[in-house]
Amino acid sequence: MKALVYQNNTLALDCHFPAPAPKPGEVLIRVLMSGICNTDLEIMNGYKDFSGVPGHEFAGIVEQARETNFIGKRVAGEINCPCNRCPTCLSGEPTHCPHRSALGILGRNGAMAEYCSLPRENLVTLPDRIATREAVFIEPLAAALEITQRLHIPPASSVMVIGDGKLGLLIAQTLRLTGCRLLVVGRHREKLEILRAMHIPVCLAGDLDPSSCQADTVVECTGHGGGFDLARRCVRPGGRLVLKSTFHRVPSVDLTSLVVDEIQVSGSRCGPFAPAVRLLEQGLVKVLPLIDREFALDHGVAAFRYAGEKGRLKVLINHQDIQNAEIG
């Protein structure tokens, strides 16, 4: 099959890569479309020492499955593949299984190929009302929802999102649904305008004075170390700092200030797929304005190069036989 393969610090298109052979309980999926996220870009910088086919945001069609009535269904998939036997799994935290693999990130080839495979229980069927381009956003939207899955955000509380990238724009839309007093801070006026059009308050980072504008909860999702420093300065004493960025290089952290101000720090990673599907189906989260450009799989290396440029939003890879096309 055709696949984008990252190996020896190089990403290349391999037209003869072995197609996946699903293990018992797994399903073979023909990938329709995949998306490039910041974690994929960090993998190109050495994150997790991954080697193989990247990609974990996707929508596809089931080609092989034990349940014959599942064949032909359009699906998206949870990326973590746990062992389901260890104490962590049995305690109800399978995404933290120490023996897990993760699609296109850890020990498992990903979705930037003609085919991928995942356990049956990882897959969700896509309603007809969700377009394939929208379905690619289910995984990052689920990650955005993990914040409210683990933390209670009272309607009267103040919340600040630091970062106007792909994930930040999704997080802002999900947090708005809590009724909180929300402010999104970013460095790109054109990205913030996407949220302003949805009547979500925004502010350019250069216009923000952290000393006079502090929040009960601050979510950091900039994808770079400087964002952590700004997020920390925006949390009130006794407040909460939620970290969503993944870094290959570790940012410097002033741990003493966290102790003195009694800041609660919470990491947040993958989230629930079912509510993400419902939000898209009901039109409560808008993802099409977040699409920057679309490339054919044959042009996947160029897609990564484009996605790595400053200021880019979501770049999609269309796995069907089309030429790369701008999204209007």
C-alpha atoms as a PDB file:
ATOM      1  CA  MET A   1       0.000   0.000   0.000  1.00  0.00           C
ATOM      2  CA  LYS A   2       0.978   3.659  -0.215  1.00  0.00           C
ATOM      3  CA  ALA A   3       2.040   5.139   3.103  1.00  0.00           C
ATOM      4  CA  LEU A   4       3.864   8.117   4.529  1.00  0.00           C
ATOM      5  CA  VAL A   5       6.746   6.635   6.503  1.00  0.00           C
ATOM      6  CA  TYR A   6       8.976   8.419   9.024  1.00  0.00           C
ATOM      7  CA  GLN A   7      12.299   6.673   9.365  1.00  0.00           C
ATOM      8  CA  ASN A   8      15.869   7.775  10.086  1.00  0.00           C
ATOM      9  CA  ASN A   9      14.695  11.358  10.632  1.00  0.00           C
ATOM     10  CA  THR A  10      13.107  11.471   7.181  1.00  0.00           C
ATOM     11  CA  LEU A  11       9.477  11.457   6.034  1.00  0.00           C
ATOM     12  CA  ALA A  12       8.865   9.877   2.629  1.00  0.00           C
ATOM     13  CA  LEU A  13       6.090   8.326   0.550  1.00  0.00           C
ATOM     14  CA  ASP A  14       6.505   4.538   0.295  1.00  0.00           C
ATOM     15  CA  CYS A  15       4.388   2.993  -2.475  1.00  0.00           C
ATOM     16  CA  HIS A  16       5.190  -0.574  -1.385  1.00  0.00           C
ATOM     17  CA  PHE A  17       4.735  -0.465   2.382  1.00  0.00           C
ATOM     18  CA  PRO A  18       3.237  -3.661   3.879  1.00  0.00           C
ATOM     19  CA  ALA A  19      -0.503  -3.341   4.515  1.00  0.00           C
ATOM     20  CA  PRO A  20      -1.546  -4.038   8.127  1.00  0.00           C
ATOM     21  CA  ALA A  21      -2.520  -7.573   9.109  1.00  0.00           C
ATOM     22  CA  PRO A  22      -5.185  -7.074  11.808  1.00  0.00           C
ATOM     23  CA  LYS A  23      -4.792  -9.159  14.955  1.00  0.00           C
ATOM     24  CA  PRO A  24      -7.753 -11.021  16.484  1.00  0.00           C
ATOM     25  CA  GLY A  25     -10.350  -8.473  17.570  1.00  0.00           C
ATOM     26  CA  GLU A  26      -8.983  -5.827  15.219  1.00  0.00           C
ATOM     27  CA  VAL A  27     -10.550  -4.251  12.149  1.00  0.00           C
ATOM     28  CA  LEU A  28      -8.976  -3.277   8.841  1.00  0.00           C
ATOM     29  CA  ILE A  29      -9.876   0.258   7.786  1.00  0.00           C
ATOM     30  CA  ARG A  30      -9.467   1.923   4.400  1.00  0.00           C
ATOM     31  CA  VAL A  31      -8.543   5.483   5.288  1.00  0.00           C
ATOM     32  CA  LEU A  32     -10.515   8.217   3.552  1.00  0.00           C
ATOM     33  CA  MET A  33      -8.913  11.258   5.114  1.00  0.00           C
ATOM     34  CA  SER A  34      -6.408  12.091   7.850  1.00  0.00           C
ATOM     35  CA  GLY A  35      -5.253  15.253   9.592  1.00  0.00           C
ATOM     36  CA  ILE A  36      -1.880  16.632  10.650  1.00  0.00           C
ATOM     37  CA  CYS A  37      -1.684  17.832  14.247  1.00  0.00           C
ATOM     38  CA  ASN A  38       1.082  19.342  16.355  1.00  0.00           C
ATOM     39  CA  THR A  39       1.949  15.934  17.827  1.00  0.00           C
ATOM     40  CA  ASP A  40       2.674  14.670  14.310  1.00  0.00           C
ATOM     41  CA  LEU A  41       4.960  17.650  13.774  1.00  0.00           C
ATOM     42  CA  GLU A  42       6.697  16.967  17.096  1.00  0.00           C
ATOM     43  CA  ILE A  43       7.238  13.353  15.981  1.00  0.00           C
ATOM     44  CA  MET A  44       9.235  14.774  13.080  1.00  0.00           C
ATOM     45  CA  ASN A  45      11.415  16.404  15.767  1.00  0.00           C
ATOM     46  CA  GLY A  46      11.964  13.128  17.635  1.00  0.00           C
ATOM     47  CA  TYR A  47       8.942  12.949  19.959  1.00  0.00           C
ATOM     48  CA  LYS A  48       8.519   9.432  21.400  1.00  0.00           C
ATOM     49  CA  ASP A  49      11.333   8.205  19.103  1.00  0.00           C
ATOM     50  CA  PHE A  50       8.583   7.022  16.761  1.00  0.00           C
ATOM     51  CA  SER A  51       9.429   5.243  13.534  1.00  0.00           C
ATOM     52  CA  GLY A  52       6.837   4.098  10.999  1.00  0.00           C
ATOM     53  CA  VAL A  53       3.559   5.474   9.625  1.00  0.00           C
ATOM     54  CA  PRO A  54       2.421   8.602  11.536  1.00  0.00           C
ATOM     55  CA  GLY A  55      -1.131   9.916  11.846  1.00  0.00           C
ATOM     56  CA  HIS A  56      -3.868   9.426  14.436  1.00  0.00           C
ATOM     57  CA  GLU A  57      -6.667  11.744  13.264  1.00  0.00           C
ATOM     58  CA  PHE A  58      -8.666   9.978  10.568  1.00  0.00           C
ATOM     59  CA  ALA A  59     -11.939   8.829   9.086  1.00  0.00           C
ATOM     60  CA  GLY A  60     -12.259   5.650   7.069  1.00  0.00           C
ATOM     61  CA  ILE A  61     -14.339   2.718   5.846  1.00  0.00           C
ATOM     62  CA  VAL A  62     -14.276  -0.718   7.498  1.00  0.00           C
ATOM     63  CA  GLU A  63     -12.921  -3.250   4.989  1.00  0.00           C
ATOM     64  CA  GLN A  64     -12.445  -6.363   7.157  1.00  0.00           C
ATOM     65  CA  ALA A  65     -14.149  -7.189  10.449  1.00  0.00           C
ATOM     66  CA  ARG A  66     -15.416 -10.221  12.321  1.00  0.00           C
ATOM     67  CA  GLU A  67     -18.891  -8.652  12.357  1.00  0.00           C
ATOM     68  CA  THR A  68     -19.965  -8.760   8.730  1.00  0.00           C
ATOM     69  CA  ASN A  69     -22.609  -6.062   9.308  1.00  0.00           C
ATOM     70  CA  PHE A  70     -19.795  -3.706  10.361  1.00  0.00           C
ATOM     71  CA  ILE A  71     -18.069  -3.935   6.989  1.00  0.00           C
ATOM     72  CA  GLY A  72     -18.666  -0.825   4.892  1.00  0.00           C
ATOM     73  CA  LYS A  73     -19.343   1.428   7.885  1.00  0.00           C
ATOM     74  CA  ARG A  74     -17.678   4.829   7.997  1.00  0.00           C
ATOM     75  CA  VAL A  75     -15.717   5.154  11.237  1.00  0.00           C
ATOM     76  CA  ALA A  76     -13.294   7.181  13.341  1.00  0.00           C
ATOM     77  CA  GLY A  77     -11.130   5.638  16.036  1.00  0.00           C
ATOM     78  CA  GLU A  78      -9.754   6.108  19.546  1.00  0.00           C
ATOM     79  CA  ILE A  79      -5.986   5.951  19.180  1.00  0.00           C
ATOM     80  CA  ASN A  80      -4.951   4.176  22.421  1.00  0.00           C
ATOM     81  CA  CYS A  81      -4.833   0.374  22.286  1.00  0.00           C
ATOM     82  CA  PRO A  82      -4.587  -0.964  25.868  1.00  0.00           C
ATOM     83  CA  CYS A  83      -3.854  -4.498  27.045  1.00  0.00           C
ATOM     84  CA  ASN A  84      -7.171  -4.655  29.018  1.00  0.00           C
ATOM     85  CA  ARG A  85      -5.508  -6.914  31.594  1.00  0.00           C
ATOM     86  CA  CYS A  86      -3.203  -4.797  33.753  1.00  0.00           C
ATOM     87  CA  PRO A  87      -4.246  -3.046  37.004  1.00  0.00           C
ATOM     88  CA  THR A  88      -4.425   0.321  35.212  1.00  0.00           C
ATOM     89  CA  CYS A  89      -6.846  -1.015  32.603  1.00  0.00           C
ATOM     90  CA  LEU A  90      -8.920  -2.867  35.190  1.00  0.00           C
ATOM     91  CA  SER A  91      -9.174   0.315  37.289  1.00  0.00           C
ATOM     92  CA  GLY A  92     -10.877   2.092  34.373  1.00  0.00           C
ATOM     93  CA  GLU A  93      -7.934   4.076  32.967  1.00  0.00           C
ATOM     94  CA  PRO A  94      -7.126   2.220  29.715  1.00  0.00           C
ATOM     95  CA  THR A  95      -5.644   5.301  28.021  1.00  0.00           C
ATOM     96  CA  HIS A  96      -2.881   5.161  30.655  1.00  0.00           C
ATOM     97  CA  CYS A  97      -2.156   1.452  30.197  1.00  0.00           C
ATOM     98  CA  PRO A  98       1.642   1.048  30.568  1.00  0.00           C
ATOM     99  CA  HIS A  99       1.571  -1.608  27.835  1.00  0.00           C
ATOM    100  CA  ARG A 100      -0.535   0.344  25.357  1.00  0.00           C
ATOM    101  CA  SER A 101       0.271   1.188  21.784  1.00  0.00           C
ATOM    102  CA  ALA A 102      -1.010   4.390  20.209  1.00  0.00           C
ATOM    103  CA  LEU A 103      -1.933   4.858  16.574  1.00  0.00           C
ATOM    104  CA  GLY A 104       0.871   6.641  14.760  1.00  0.00           C
ATOM    105  CA  ILE A 105       2.570   7.676  18.008  1.00  0.00           C
ATOM    106  CA  LEU A 106       3.724   4.681  20.032  1.00  0.00           C
ATOM    107  CA  GLY A 107       4.398   1.167  18.795  1.00  0.00           C
ATOM    108  CA  ARG A 108       1.684   1.106  16.095  1.00  0.00           C
ATOM    109  CA  ASN A 109       1.644   2.310  12.508  1.00  0.00           C
ATOM    110  CA  GLY A 110      -0.775   5.167  11.999  1.00  0.00           C
ATOM    111  CA  ALA A 111      -3.406   6.384   9.585  1.00  0.00           C
ATOM    112  CA  MET A 112      -1.390   8.274   6.971  1.00  0.00           C
ATOM    113  CA  ALA A 113      -1.588   5.320   4.621  1.00  0.00           C
ATOM    114  CA  GLU A 114      -4.162   3.611   2.464  1.00  0.00           C
ATOM    115  CA  TYR A 115      -5.044   1.282   5.368  1.00  0.00           C
ATOM    116  CA  CYS A 116      -4.744   1.114   9.139  1.00  0.00           C
ATOM    117  CA  SER A 117      -6.017  -1.262  11.818  1.00  0.00           C
ATOM    118  CA  LEU A 118      -7.486  -0.795  15.287  1.00  0.00           C
ATOM    119  CA  PRO A 119      -9.355  -2.904  17.853  1.00  0.00           C
ATOM    120  CA  ARG A 120     -13.098  -3.059  17.197  1.00  0.00           C
ATOM    121  CA  GLU A 121     -13.902  -1.424  20.538  1.00  0.00           C
ATOM    122  CA  ASN A 122     -11.850   1.635  19.553  1.00  0.00           C
ATOM    123  CA  LEU A 123     -14.132   2.523  16.653  1.00  0.00           C
ATOM    124  CA  VAL A 124     -17.192   4.749  16.497  1.00  0.00           C
ATOM    125  CA  THR A 125     -19.619   4.729  13.583  1.00  0.00           C
ATOM    126  CA  LEU A 126     -20.093   8.102  11.938  1.00  0.00           C
ATOM    127  CA  PRO A 127     -23.598   9.518  11.467  1.00  0.00           C
ATOM    128  CA  ASP A 128     -24.508  10.571   7.939  1.00  0.00           C
ATOM    129  CA  ARG A 129     -24.799  14.207   9.048  1.00  0.00           C
ATOM    130  CA  ILE A 130     -21.063  14.371   9.806  1.00  0.00           C
ATOM    131  CA  ALA A 131     -18.996  14.957   6.672  1.00  0.00           C
ATOM    132  CA  THR A 132     -15.731  13.054   6.339  1.00  0.00           C
ATOM    133  CA  ARG A 133     -13.756  16.302   6.602  1.00  0.00           C
ATOM    134  CA  GLU A 134     -15.510  17.037   9.888  1.00  0.00           C
ATOM    135  CA  ALA A 135     -14.961  13.504  11.179  1.00  0.00           C
ATOM    136  CA  VAL A 136     -11.182  13.956  11.048  1.00  0.00           C
ATOM    137  CA  PHE A 137     -11.633  16.429  13.925  1.00  0.00           C
ATOM    138  CA  ILE A 138     -13.286  13.890  16.258  1.00  0.00           C
ATOM    139  CA  GLU A 139     -10.018  12.833  17.908  1.00  0.00           C
ATOM    140  CA  PRO A 140      -8.777  16.376  18.690  1.00  0.00           C
ATOM    141  CA  LEU A 141     -12.311  17.425  19.679  1.00  0.00           C
ATOM    142  CA  ALA A 142     -12.399  14.506  22.118  1.00  0.00           C
ATOM    143  CA  ALA A 143      -9.068  15.729  23.498  1.00  0.00           C
ATOM    144  CA  ALA A 144     -10.621  19.166  23.996  1.00  0.00           C
ATOM    145  CA  LEU A 145     -13.540  17.594  25.874  1.00  0.00           C
ATOM    146  CA  GLU A 146     -11.180  15.795  28.236  1.00  0.00           C
ATOM    147  CA  ILE A 147     -10.776  19.070  30.131  1.00  0.00           C
ATOM    148  CA  THR A 148     -14.397  19.110  31.290  1.00  0.00           C
ATOM    149  CA  GLN A 149     -14.345  15.320  31.618  1.00  0.00           C
ATOM    150  CA  ARG A 150     -11.766  15.596  34.410  1.00  0.00           C
ATOM    151  CA  LEU A 151     -12.395  19.095  35.792  1.00  0.00           C
ATOM    152  CA  HIS A 152     -15.606  20.807  36.836  1.00  0.00           C
ATOM    153  CA  ILE A 153     -15.861  24.249  35.222  1.00  0.00           C
ATOM    154  CA  PRO A 154     -18.540  26.217  37.114  1.00  0.00           C
ATOM    155  CA  PRO A 155     -20.643  28.548  34.938  1.00  0.00           C
ATOM    156  CA  ALA A 156     -19.655  31.551  37.044  1.00  0.00           C
ATOM    157  CA  SER A 157     -15.907  30.862  36.843  1.00  0.00           C
ATOM    158  CA  SER A 158     -13.392  32.712  34.682  1.00  0.00           C
ATOM    159  CA  VAL A 159     -11.475  30.622  32.142  1.00  0.00           C
ATOM    160  CA  MET A 160      -8.673  31.649  29.838  1.00  0.00           C
ATOM    161  CA  VAL A 161      -7.381  29.654  26.868  1.00  0.00           C
ATOM    162  CA  ILE A 162      -3.804  30.476  25.848  1.00  0.00           C
ATOM    163  CA  GLY A 163      -3.267  29.486  22.235  1.00  0.00           C
ATOM    164  CA  ASP A 164      -5.169  30.031  19.000  1.00  0.00           C
ATOM    165  CA  GLY A 165      -4.004  26.970  17.108  1.00  0.00           C
ATOM    166  CA  LYS A 166      -6.129  24.058  15.958  1.00  0.00           C
ATOM    167  CA  LEU A 167      -6.625  22.586  19.418  1.00  0.00           C
ATOM    168  CA  GLY A 168      -7.109  25.960  21.063  1.00  0.00           C
ATOM    169  CA  LEU A 169      -9.962  26.827  18.708  1.00  0.00           C
ATOM    170  CA  LEU A 170     -11.667  23.527  19.531  1.00  0.00           C
ATOM    171  CA  ILE A 171     -11.115  23.911  23.279  1.00  0.00           C
ATOM    172  CA  ALA A 172     -12.610  27.396  23.193  1.00  0.00           C
ATOM    173  CA  GLN A 173     -15.785  26.108  21.554  1.00  0.00           C
ATOM    174  CA  THR A 174     -16.216  23.267  24.060  1.00  0.00           C
ATOM    175  CA  LEU A 175     -15.556  25.475  27.098  1.00  0.00           C
ATOM    176  CA  ARG A 176     -18.089  28.030  25.873  1.00  0.00           C
ATOM    177  CA  LEU A 177     -20.761  25.350  26.346  1.00  0.00           C
ATOM    178  CA  THR A 178     -20.138  25.390  30.131  1.00  0.00           C
ATOM    179  CA  GLY A 179     -21.355  28.991  30.390  1.00  0.00           C
ATOM    180  CA  CYS A 180     -18.070  30.144  31.940  1.00  0.00           C
ATOM    181  CA  ARG A 181     -16.623  33.639  31.468  1.00  0.00           C
ATOM    182  CA  LEU A 182     -14.224  32.764  28.664  1.00  0.00           C
ATOM    183  CA  LEU A 183     -11.328  34.620  27.061  1.00  0.00           C
ATOM    184  CA  VAL A 184      -9.069  33.218  24.346  1.00  0.00           C
ATOM    185  CA  VAL A 185      -5.577  34.685  23.976  1.00  0.00           C
ATOM    186  CA  GLY A 186      -3.527  34.203  20.828  1.00  0.00           C
ATOM    187  CA  ARG A 187      -0.934  35.720  18.537  1.00  0.00           C
ATOM    188  CA  HIS A 188      -2.752  35.481  15.221  1.00  0.00           C
ATOM    189  CA  ARG A 189      -5.489  38.006  14.524  1.00  0.00           C
ATOM    190  CA  GLU A 190      -6.953  35.965  11.648  1.00  0.00           C
ATOM    191  CA  LYS A 191      -7.333  32.866  13.846  1.00  0.00           C
ATOM    192  CA  LEU A 192      -8.934  34.796  16.656  1.00  0.00           C
ATOM    193  CA  GLU A 193     -11.400  36.221  14.140  1.00  0.00           C
ATOM    194  CA  ILE A 194     -12.752  32.682  13.659  1.00  0.00           C
ATOM    195  CA  LEU A 195     -13.795  32.680  17.317  1.00  0.00           C
ATOM    196  CA  ARG A 196     -14.924  36.294  17.299  1.00  0.00           C
ATOM    197  CA  ALA A 197     -17.375  35.371  14.531  1.00  0.00           C
ATOM    198  CA  MET A 198     -18.784  32.797  16.973  1.00  0.00           C
ATOM    199  CA  HIS A 199     -19.151  35.528  19.623  1.00  0.00           C
ATOM    200  CA  ILE A 200     -16.319  34.123  21.776  1.00  0.00           C
ATOM    201  CA  PRO A 201     -14.250  36.868  23.485  1.00  0.00           C
ATOM    202  CA  VAL A 202     -10.651  37.031  22.236  1.00  0.00           C
ATOM    203  CA  CYS A 203      -7.505  39.050  22.899  1.00  0.00           C
ATOM    204  CA  LEU A 204      -4.138  39.382  21.198  1.00  0.00           C
ATOM    205  CA  ALA A 205      -1.309  38.244  23.475  1.00  0.00           C
ATOM    206  CA  GLY A 206       0.462  41.571  22.998  1.00  0.00           C
ATOM    207  CA  ASP A 207      -2.548  43.433  24.382  1.00  0.00           C
ATOM    208  CA  LEU A 208      -2.869  41.264  27.510  1.00  0.00           C
ATOM    209  CA  ASP A 209      -1.660  42.400  30.937  1.00  0.00           C
ATOM    210  CA  PRO A 210      -1.449  39.199  33.051  1.00  0.00           C
ATOM    211  CA  SER A 211      -1.077  41.170  36.279  1.00  0.00           C
ATOM    212  CA  SER A 212      -4.547  42.690  35.884  1.00  0.00           C
ATOM    213  CA  CYS A 213      -6.278  39.853  34.043  1.00  0.00           C
ATOM    214  CA  GLN A 214      -6.101  36.556  35.906  1.00  0.00           C
ATOM    215  CA  ALA A 215      -8.455  33.586  35.672  1.00  0.00           C
ATOM    216  CA  ASP A 216      -9.680  30.760  37.890  1.00  0.00           C
ATOM    217  CA  THR A 217      -8.656  28.218  35.235  1.00  0.00           C
ATOM    218  CA  VAL A 218      -6.105  28.689  32.460  1.00  0.00           C
ATOM    219  CA  VAL A 219      -5.664  26.191  29.633  1.00  0.00           C
ATOM    220  CA  GLU A 220      -2.275  26.173  27.890  1.00  0.00           C
ATOM    221  CA  CYS A 221      -2.365  24.824  24.326  1.00  0.00           C
ATOM    222  CA  THR A 222       0.169  26.919  22.430  1.00  0.00           C
ATOM    223  CA  GLY A 223       2.513  24.068  21.532  1.00  0.00           C
ATOM    224  CA  HIS A 224       5.597  26.050  22.561  1.00  0.00           C
ATOM    225  CA  GLY A 225       7.400  26.653  25.839  1.00  0.00           C
ATOM    226  CA  GLY A 226       6.770  30.384  25.961  1.00  0.00           C
ATOM    227  CA  GLY A 227       3.053  29.681  26.153  1.00  0.00           C
ATOM    228  CA  PHE A 228       3.510  27.936  29.476  1.00  0.00           C
ATOM    229  CA  ASP A 229       5.101  31.020  30.996  1.00  0.00           C
ATOM    230  CA  LEU A 230       2.244  33.247  29.852  1.00  0.00           C
ATOM    231  CA  ALA A 231      -0.356  30.744  31.032  1.00  0.00           C
ATOM    232  CA  ARG A 232       1.270  30.522  34.462  1.00  0.00           C
ATOM    233  CA  ARG A 233       1.215  34.317  34.869  1.00  0.00           C
ATOM    234  CA  CYS A 234      -2.493  34.365  33.995  1.00  0.00           C
ATOM    235  CA  VAL A 235      -3.595  31.964  36.763  1.00  0.00           C
ATOM    236  CA  ARG A 236      -4.829  33.566  39.957  1.00  0.00           C
ATOM    237  CA  PRO A 237      -3.382  32.299  43.263  1.00  0.00           C
ATOM    238  CA  GLY A 238      -5.230  29.111  44.184  1.00  0.00           C
ATOM    239  CA  GLY A 239      -6.308  28.637  40.566  1.00  0.00           C
ATOM    240  CA  ARG A 240      -5.857  25.796  38.085  1.00  0.00           C
ATOM    241  CA  LEU A 241      -3.492  25.384  35.174  1.00  0.00           C
ATOM    242  CA  VAL A 242      -4.424  22.811  32.520  1.00  0.00           C
ATOM    243  CA  LEU A 243      -1.658  21.672  30.181  1.00  0.00           C
ATOM    244  CA  LYS A 244      -2.562  20.390  26.707  1.00  0.00           C
ATOM    245  CA  SER A 245       0.697  20.883  24.761  1.00  0.00           C
ATOM    246  CA  THR A 246       3.090  18.041  23.973  1.00  0.00           C
ATOM    247  CA  PHE A 247       6.755  18.990  23.567  1.00  0.00           C
ATOM    248  CA  HIS A 248       9.820  17.159  22.302  1.00  0.00           C
ATOM    249  CA  ARG A 249      11.970  19.602  24.281  1.00  0.00           C
ATOM    250  CA  VAL A 250      11.105  20.217  27.921  1.00  0.00           C
ATOM    251  CA  PRO A 251      10.202  23.866  28.721  1.00  0.00           C
ATOM    252  CA  SER A 252      11.667  25.518  31.821  1.00  0.00           C
ATOM    253  CA  VAL A 253       9.246  25.722  34.754  1.00  0.00           C
ATOM    254  CA  ASP A 254       9.341  27.866  37.909  1.00  0.00           C
ATOM    255  CA  LEU A 255       8.135  25.225  40.365  1.00  0.00           C
ATOM    256  CA  THR A 256       8.532  27.512  43.377  1.00  0.00           C
ATOM    257  CA  SER A 257       5.858  29.904  42.126  1.00  0.00           C
ATOM    258  CA  LEU A 258       3.454  26.992  41.719  1.00  0.00           C
ATOM    259  CA  VAL A 259       4.022  26.055  45.359  1.00  0.00           C
ATOM    260  CA  VAL A 260       3.813  29.595  46.746  1.00  0.00           C
ATOM    261  CA  ASP A 261       0.610  30.401  44.839  1.00  0.00           C
ATOM    262  CA  GLU A 262      -0.843  26.929  45.439  1.00  0.00           C
ATOM    263  CA  ILE A 263      -1.576  26.360  41.769  1.00  0.00           C
ATOM    264  CA  GLN A 264      -3.238  23.086  40.791  1.00  0.00           C
ATOM    265  CA  VAL A 265      -1.573  21.717  37.651  1.00  0.00           C
ATOM    266  CA  SER A 266      -3.475  19.212  35.539  1.00  0.00           C
ATOM    267  CA  GLY A 267      -2.269  17.383  32.457  1.00  0.00           C
ATOM    268  CA  SER A 268      -4.904  16.573  29.845  1.00  0.00           C
ATOM    269  CA  ARG A 269      -4.520  14.302  26.845  1.00  0.00           C
ATOM    270  CA  CYS A 270      -7.027  12.045  25.038  1.00  0.00           C
ATOM    271  CA  GLY A 271     -10.766  12.269  25.609  1.00  0.00           C
ATOM    272  CA  PRO A 272     -14.200  10.724  25.016  1.00  0.00           C
ATOM    273  CA  PHE A 273     -15.293  10.086  21.422  1.00  0.00           C
ATOM    274  CA  ALA A 274     -19.063   9.678  21.898  1.00  0.00           C
ATOM    275  CA  PRO A 275     -19.748  13.271  23.057  1.00  0.00           C
ATOM    276  CA  ALA A 276     -17.382  14.587  20.367  1.00  0.00           C
ATOM    277  CA  VAL A 277     -19.491  12.829  17.737  1.00  0.00           C
ATOM    278  CA  ARG A 278     -22.688  14.269  19.254  1.00  0.00           C
ATOM    279  CA  LEU A 279     -21.338  17.824  19.279  1.00  0.00           C
ATOM    280  CA  LEU A 280     -20.429  17.602  15.611  1.00  0.00           C
ATOM    281  CA  GLU A 281     -23.714  15.968  14.669  1.00  0.00           C
ATOM    282  CA  GLN A 282     -25.681  18.670  16.485  1.00  0.00           C
ATOM    283  CA  GLY A 283     -23.609  21.473  14.992  1.00  0.00           C
ATOM    284  CA  LEU A 284     -22.529  22.781  18.405  1.00  0.00           C
ATOM    285  CA  VAL A 285     -18.858  22.866  17.378  1.00  0.00           C
ATOM    286  CA  LYS A 286     -17.768  24.261  14.015  1.00  0.00           C
ATOM    287  CA  VAL A 287     -14.675  22.670  12.497  1.00  0.00           C
ATOM    288  CA  LEU A 288     -14.761  23.492   8.779  1.00  0.00           C
ATOM    289  CA  PRO A 289     -13.453  27.066   9.377  1.00  0.00           C
ATOM    290  CA  LEU A 290     -10.352  25.452  10.906  1.00  0.00           C
ATOM    291  CA  ILE A 291      -9.303  23.756   7.659  1.00  0.00           C
ATOM    292  CA  ASP A 292      -6.352  25.492   6.049  1.00  0.00           C
ATOM    293  CA  ARG A 293      -5.562  23.298   3.041  1.00  0.00           C
ATOM    294  CA  GLU A 294      -6.015  19.779   1.683  1.00  0.00           C
ATOM    295  CA  PHE A 295      -3.391  17.608  -0.015  1.00  0.00           C
ATOM    296  CA  ALA A 296      -3.511  14.247  -1.771  1.00  0.00           C
ATOM    297  CA  LEU A 297      -1.715  11.363  -0.032  1.00  0.00           C
ATOM    298  CA  ASP A 298       0.866  11.370  -2.850  1.00  0.00           C
ATOM    299  CA  HIS A 299       1.766  14.899  -1.745  1.00  0.00           C
ATOM    300  CA  GLY A 300       1.898  14.056   1.960  1.00  0.00           C
ATOM    301  CA  VAL A 301       5.502  15.167   2.429  1.00  0.00           C
ATOM    302  CA  ALA A 302       4.589  18.592   1.044  1.00  0.00           C
ATOM    303  CA  ALA A 303       1.557  18.596   3.347  1.00  0.00           C
ATOM    304  CA  PHE A 304       3.813  18.182   6.391  1.00  0.00           C
ATOM    305  CA  ARG A 305       6.142  20.878   5.159  1.00  0.00           C
ATOM    306  CA  TYR A 306       3.191  23.242   4.701  1.00  0.00           C
ATOM    307  CA  ALA A 307       1.646  22.326   8.079  1.00  0.00           C
ATOM    308  CA  GLY A 308       4.938  23.101   9.809  1.00  0.00           C
ATOM    309  CA  GLU A 309       4.934  26.710   8.640  1.00  0.00           C
ATOM    310  CA  LYS A 310       4.014  29.311  11.243  1.00  0.00           C
ATOM    311  CA  GLY A 311       0.375  30.241  11.526  1.00  0.00           C
ATOM    312  CA  ARG A 312      -1.086  27.205   9.749  1.00  0.00           C
ATOM    313  CA  LEU A 313      -4.372  25.696  10.837  1.00  0.00           C
ATOM    314  CA  LYS A 314      -5.590  22.164  10.067  1.00  0.00           C
ATOM    315  CA  VAL A 315      -4.006  20.500   7.066  1.00  0.00           C
ATOM    316  CA  LEU A 316      -5.877  17.461   5.748  1.00  0.00           C
ATOM    317  CA  ILE A 317      -4.598  14.576   3.662  1.00  0.00           C
ATOM    318  CA  ASN A 318      -7.167  13.150   1.258  1.00  0.00           C
ATOM    319  CA  HIS A 319      -6.430   9.470   0.631  1.00  0.00           C
ATOM    320  CA  GLN A 320      -8.613   9.226  -2.461  1.00  0.00           C
ATOM    321  CA  ASP A 321      -7.307   9.737  -5.994  1.00  0.00           C
ATOM    322  CA  ILE A 322      -7.497  13.529  -6.165  1.00  0.00           C
ATOM    323  CA  GLN A 323      -5.016  16.322  -6.668  1.00  0.00           C
ATOM    324  CA  ASN A 324      -4.193  18.657  -3.809  1.00  0.00           C
ATOM    325  CA  ALA A 325      -6.811  21.414  -3.571  1.00  0.00           C
ATOM    326  CA  GLU A 326      -7.283  24.546  -1.562  1.00  0.00           C
ATOM    327  CA  ILE A 327     -10.219  24.605   0.858  1.00  0.00           C
ATOM    328  CA  GLY A 328     -12.345  27.717   0.315  1.00  0.00           C
END
